[in-house]
Amino acid sequence: MLKKLSPIFLTFALMAAGCSNTEPLEDRIVELNWQIDSAEQTSEQATVDKRLAERETEIARKDARVLKEKLALAYDALREARTRLDERLPERVNQLAESHQPGEQKLEISQYGGVVLESGVLFKAGRHELTSAGRTAIQPLVTTLLKEEYDSYEIEVSGHSDTDPIKRTKGRYRDNWDLAAMRANSVRRFLIEKGVPSERLTTSSYGYHRPIEAGNKAHNRRVEIMLRKKVTALKASASRK
């Protein structure tokens, strides 16, 4: 703390030193004392501001820890919910694989978890439009997908190709990815046409990167129907102000 100057003490001191007119000096002393008071108040305010800032930082850190813990709990709950909801997924996939025309074998389930629809049945060579035979082949799957027990599932229609480059239809399809994507989209459109809600459907294309059987091109050219359990998204956190 700064030590204030005493006007009386300095007045006597100056008189003792032979200075008779002390009024200007007394005014200067008052001014200096005011500056001392002002400096002390500024210092005290800075100390208060520092303590407030430290407290706010401490509170913010605690809030961040609490938010992180809540987020971790929410993700744990989401993973648990997904596990519970997916318990019946294999059963649903198997039931879907049983959806075929009378006299035909059960549809294959790939190692990627999808029900396999062979391209040789659905499409003409090098084309993406569904054939009439292909539409007939898919119809039993539509019937199954429209059952109530499938309402809580999303449906991914994935296109797959062999490794042969596009040649005859190069002007129409840029590459195998393009052809596989358009084939998947043709199946998607057919499912919508037959009543499957569009919001439940997505398409994907893997090109030749997910073969079922190495070296078996005819087997690898296919469309797969995959099921995904619907999961309610977590609420977005409030935006920072």
Protein backbone atom coordinates (compact mmCIF):
# COMPACT_ATOMS: atom_id res chain seq x y z
CA MET A 1 0.00 0.00 0.00
CA LEU A 2 1.29 3.43 -0.88
CA LYS A 3 1.99 5.78 2.07
CA LYS A 4 0.07 9.06 1.91
CA LEU A 5 1.69 12.42 2.45
CA SER A 6 0.61 14.51 5.46
CA PRO A 7 -0.07 18.16 4.46
CA ILE A 8 0.28 19.43 8.09
CA PHE A 9 3.59 17.65 8.57
CA LEU A 10 4.99 18.97 5.32
CA THR A 11 3.70 22.49 6.03
CA PHE A 12 5.56 22.66 9.34
CA ALA A 13 8.62 21.22 7.71
CA LEU A 14 8.59 23.81 4.98
CA MET A 15 8.03 26.67 7.45
CA ALA A 16 10.91 25.44 9.50
CA ALA A 17 12.98 25.51 6.35
CA GLY A 18 12.06 29.20 5.79
CA CYS A 19 9.27 28.78 3.22
CA SER A 20 6.40 31.09 4.14
CA ASN A 21 4.02 30.51 1.16
CA THR A 22 3.06 26.84 1.39
CA GLU A 23 -0.35 26.95 -0.34
CA PRO A 24 0.87 25.70 -3.78
CA LEU A 25 2.70 22.86 -2.09
CA GLU A 26 -0.33 21.91 -0.04
CA ASP A 27 -2.39 21.75 -3.24
CA ARG A 28 0.29 19.55 -4.78
CA ILE A 29 0.23 17.28 -1.74
CA VAL A 30 -3.57 16.91 -2.00
CA GLU A 31 -3.19 16.05 -5.68
CA LEU A 32 -0.50 13.48 -4.95
CA ASN A 33 -2.61 11.91 -2.20
CA TRP A 34 -5.53 11.68 -4.66
CA GLN A 35 -3.27 9.93 -7.14
CA ILE A 36 -2.20 7.49 -4.42
CA ASP A 37 -5.85 6.74 -3.57
CA SER A 38 -6.66 6.25 -7.25
CA ALA A 39 -3.69 3.91 -7.74
CA GLU A 40 -4.72 1.85 -4.70
CA GLN A 41 -8.29 1.55 -5.99
CA THR A 42 -7.04 0.48 -9.42
CA SER A 43 -4.82 -2.14 -7.84
CA GLU A 44 -7.67 -3.46 -5.71
CA GLN A 45 -9.98 -3.63 -8.76
CA ALA A 46 -7.33 -5.55 -10.71
CA THR A 47 -7.07 -8.04 -7.86
CA VAL A 48 -10.85 -8.49 -7.80
CA ASP A 49 -10.95 -8.91 -11.59
CA LYS A 50 -8.22 -11.52 -11.41
CA ARG A 51 -10.06 -13.50 -8.74
CA LEU A 52 -13.30 -13.34 -10.74
CA ALA A 53 -11.50 -14.57 -13.87
CA GLU A 54 -9.91 -17.44 -11.93
CA ARG A 55 -13.32 -18.40 -10.54
CA GLU A 56 -14.96 -18.29 -13.96
CA THR A 57 -12.16 -20.47 -15.36
CA GLU A 58 -12.65 -22.99 -12.55
CA ILE A 59 -16.43 -23.10 -13.19
CA ALA A 60 -15.89 -23.51 -16.94
CA ARG A 61 -13.53 -26.44 -16.35
CA LYS A 62 -16.05 -28.12 -14.07
CA ASP A 63 -18.83 -27.57 -16.64
CA ALA A 64 -16.61 -29.08 -19.35
CA ARG A 65 -15.93 -32.16 -17.21
CA VAL A 66 -19.65 -32.60 -16.47
CA LEU A 67 -20.53 -32.20 -20.16
CA LYS A 68 -17.89 -34.74 -21.16
CA GLU A 69 -19.22 -37.23 -18.61
CA LYS A 70 -22.81 -36.72 -19.80
CA LEU A 71 -21.75 -37.20 -23.42
CA ALA A 72 -19.91 -40.42 -22.54
CA LEU A 73 -22.99 -41.73 -20.75
CA ALA A 74 -25.18 -40.83 -23.73
CA TYR A 75 -22.91 -42.72 -26.13
CA ASP A 76 -22.83 -45.73 -23.79
CA ALA A 77 -26.64 -45.71 -23.73
CA LEU A 78 -26.74 -45.46 -27.52
CA ARG A 79 -24.36 -48.41 -27.97
CA GLU A 80 -26.40 -50.45 -25.51
CA ALA A 81 -29.62 -49.58 -27.35
CA ARG A 82 -28.07 -50.59 -30.67
CA THR A 83 -26.96 -53.90 -29.21
CA ARG A 84 -30.43 -54.64 -27.88
CA LEU A 85 -32.12 -53.60 -31.11
CA ASP A 86 -29.76 -55.64 -33.29
CA GLU A 87 -30.39 -58.89 -31.45
CA ARG A 88 -33.12 -59.83 -33.90
CA LEU A 89 -31.31 -58.59 -37.00
CA PRO A 90 -29.93 -62.04 -38.01
CA GLU A 91 -33.45 -63.46 -37.73
CA ARG A 92 -34.83 -60.71 -39.97
CA VAL A 93 -32.06 -61.21 -42.54
CA ASN A 94 -32.69 -64.96 -42.62
CA GLN A 95 -36.40 -64.38 -43.02
CA LEU A 96 -35.66 -62.02 -45.89
CA ALA A 97 -33.42 -64.64 -47.53
CA GLU A 98 -36.38 -67.05 -47.47
CA SER A 99 -38.32 -64.61 -49.65
CA HIS A 100 -38.02 -66.25 -53.06
CA GLN A 101 -40.20 -67.64 -55.79
CA PRO A 102 -41.78 -71.08 -55.17
CA GLY A 103 -39.44 -73.92 -56.05
CA GLU A 104 -36.32 -71.78 -55.84
CA GLN A 105 -33.58 -72.08 -53.25
CA LYS A 106 -33.12 -69.78 -50.31
CA LEU A 107 -31.32 -66.59 -51.26
CA GLU A 108 -27.67 -66.38 -50.26
CA ILE A 109 -26.50 -64.21 -47.38
CA SER A 110 -23.05 -62.78 -48.09
CA GLN A 111 -20.19 -62.51 -45.63
CA TYR A 112 -21.02 -58.79 -45.51
CA GLY A 113 -24.48 -59.45 -44.08
CA GLY A 114 -26.60 -58.73 -47.15
CA VAL A 115 -29.14 -60.84 -49.02
CA VAL A 116 -27.68 -61.51 -52.45
CA LEU A 117 -29.56 -60.83 -55.70
CA GLU A 118 -27.48 -62.04 -58.64
CA SER A 119 -27.14 -59.58 -61.51
CA GLY A 120 -27.63 -62.32 -64.10
CA VAL A 121 -31.26 -62.61 -62.96
CA LEU A 122 -31.96 -58.90 -62.52
CA PHE A 123 -30.21 -57.24 -65.47
CA LYS A 124 -29.04 -57.75 -69.00
CA ALA A 125 -25.28 -57.87 -69.48
CA GLY A 126 -23.74 -54.42 -69.09
CA ARG A 127 -27.08 -52.72 -68.36
CA HIS A 128 -28.71 -51.30 -65.24
CA GLU A 129 -32.44 -51.55 -66.03
CA LEU A 130 -34.36 -54.26 -64.21
CA THR A 131 -35.64 -57.02 -66.48
CA SER A 132 -39.17 -58.37 -66.12
CA ALA A 133 -37.64 -61.54 -64.65
CA GLY A 134 -35.70 -59.39 -62.23
CA ARG A 135 -38.82 -57.56 -61.08
CA THR A 136 -40.54 -60.89 -60.53
CA ALA A 137 -37.56 -62.20 -58.57
CA ILE A 138 -37.55 -59.19 -56.24
CA GLN A 139 -41.29 -59.16 -55.54
CA PRO A 140 -41.15 -61.73 -52.66
CA LEU A 141 -38.58 -59.51 -50.90
CA VAL A 142 -40.92 -56.55 -51.25
CA THR A 143 -43.69 -58.54 -49.59
CA THR A 144 -41.39 -59.36 -46.67
CA LEU A 145 -40.00 -55.83 -46.32
CA LEU A 146 -43.53 -54.44 -46.08
CA LYS A 147 -44.30 -56.57 -43.02
CA GLU A 148 -44.72 -54.75 -39.73
CA GLU A 149 -41.67 -56.36 -38.11
CA TYR A 150 -39.48 -54.63 -40.70
CA ASP A 151 -40.84 -51.14 -40.05
CA SER A 152 -38.00 -50.34 -37.64
CA TYR A 153 -35.29 -51.23 -40.17
CA GLU A 154 -33.56 -49.09 -42.74
CA ILE A 155 -32.67 -50.77 -46.02
CA GLU A 156 -29.39 -50.33 -47.87
CA VAL A 157 -29.31 -51.45 -51.49
CA SER A 158 -25.66 -51.98 -52.45
CA GLY A 159 -24.33 -52.55 -55.97
CA HIS A 160 -21.33 -54.79 -56.72
CA SER A 161 -19.44 -55.59 -59.92
CA ASP A 162 -16.67 -57.81 -61.21
CA THR A 163 -13.19 -56.56 -62.10
CA ASP A 164 -13.67 -56.42 -65.89
CA PRO A 165 -13.45 -52.85 -67.23
CA ILE A 166 -16.51 -51.39 -68.94
CA LYS A 167 -16.12 -51.74 -72.72
CA ARG A 168 -19.29 -52.13 -74.80
CA THR A 169 -21.26 -49.58 -72.76
CA LYS A 170 -18.37 -47.25 -71.96
CA GLY A 171 -20.30 -44.30 -73.36
CA ARG A 172 -23.11 -44.91 -70.85
CA TYR A 173 -21.23 -45.97 -67.71
CA ARG A 174 -17.94 -44.42 -66.74
CA ASP A 175 -16.74 -47.48 -64.79
CA ASN A 176 -17.86 -50.45 -62.70
CA TRP A 177 -18.68 -48.22 -59.77
CA ASP A 178 -21.07 -46.26 -61.96
CA LEU A 179 -22.79 -49.39 -63.29
CA ALA A 180 -23.08 -50.93 -59.83
CA ALA A 181 -24.52 -47.69 -58.41
CA MET A 182 -27.14 -47.42 -61.15
CA ARG A 183 -28.15 -51.05 -60.69
CA ALA A 184 -28.60 -50.48 -56.96
CA ASN A 185 -30.68 -47.40 -57.72
CA SER A 186 -32.90 -49.38 -60.11
CA VAL A 187 -33.70 -51.81 -57.30
CA ARG A 188 -34.32 -48.90 -54.93
CA ARG A 189 -36.79 -47.35 -57.36
CA PHE A 190 -38.59 -50.67 -57.76
CA LEU A 191 -38.94 -51.06 -53.98
CA ILE A 192 -40.41 -47.55 -53.72
CA GLU A 193 -42.76 -48.28 -56.62
CA LYS A 194 -44.03 -51.32 -54.71
CA GLY A 195 -44.68 -49.38 -51.52
CA VAL A 196 -41.48 -49.44 -49.46
CA PRO A 197 -41.13 -45.95 -47.88
CA SER A 198 -38.37 -43.98 -49.59
CA GLU A 199 -37.08 -42.59 -46.27
CA ARG A 200 -36.06 -46.09 -45.25
CA LEU A 201 -33.93 -46.65 -48.34
CA THR A 202 -30.33 -45.79 -49.17
CA THR A 203 -28.04 -46.94 -51.97
CA SER A 204 -24.31 -47.59 -52.16
CA SER A 205 -21.79 -48.86 -54.67
CA TYR A 206 -18.71 -50.91 -53.83
CA GLY A 207 -17.61 -51.66 -57.38
CA TYR A 208 -15.36 -54.73 -57.33
CA HIS A 209 -13.98 -54.13 -53.82
CA ARG A 210 -16.27 -56.54 -51.96
CA PRO A 211 -16.15 -59.83 -53.85
CA ILE A 212 -18.06 -62.83 -52.50
CA GLU A 213 -15.76 -65.34 -54.12
CA ALA A 214 -12.36 -64.52 -55.58
CA GLY A 215 -12.22 -65.25 -59.29
CA ASN A 216 -15.96 -65.92 -59.67
CA LYS A 217 -17.02 -62.90 -61.70
CA ALA A 218 -20.62 -64.01 -62.23
CA HIS A 219 -21.07 -64.51 -58.50
CA ASN A 220 -19.52 -61.18 -57.63
CA ARG A 221 -21.81 -59.22 -59.97
CA ARG A 222 -24.79 -58.64 -57.70
CA VAL A 223 -27.00 -56.37 -55.67
CA GLU A 224 -27.31 -56.87 -51.92
CA ILE A 225 -30.18 -55.93 -49.63
CA MET A 226 -28.86 -55.01 -46.18
CA LEU A 227 -30.82 -54.15 -43.07
CA ARG A 228 -29.87 -51.51 -40.53
CA LYS A 229 -31.78 -50.94 -37.32
CA LYS A 230 -33.12 -47.41 -37.01
CA VAL A 231 -31.49 -45.44 -34.22
CA THR A 232 -32.79 -42.15 -32.90
CA ALA A 233 -30.14 -39.47 -33.25
CA LEU A 234 -28.81 -37.73 -30.16
CA LYS A 235 -30.03 -34.19 -29.62
CA ALA A 236 -27.62 -31.57 -30.87
CA SER A 237 -26.00 -29.48 -28.17
CA ALA A 238 -27.02 -25.82 -27.91
CA SER A 239 -24.94 -23.47 -30.01
CA ARG A 240 -22.42 -21.30 -28.23
CA LYS A 241 -23.31 -17.67 -27.84
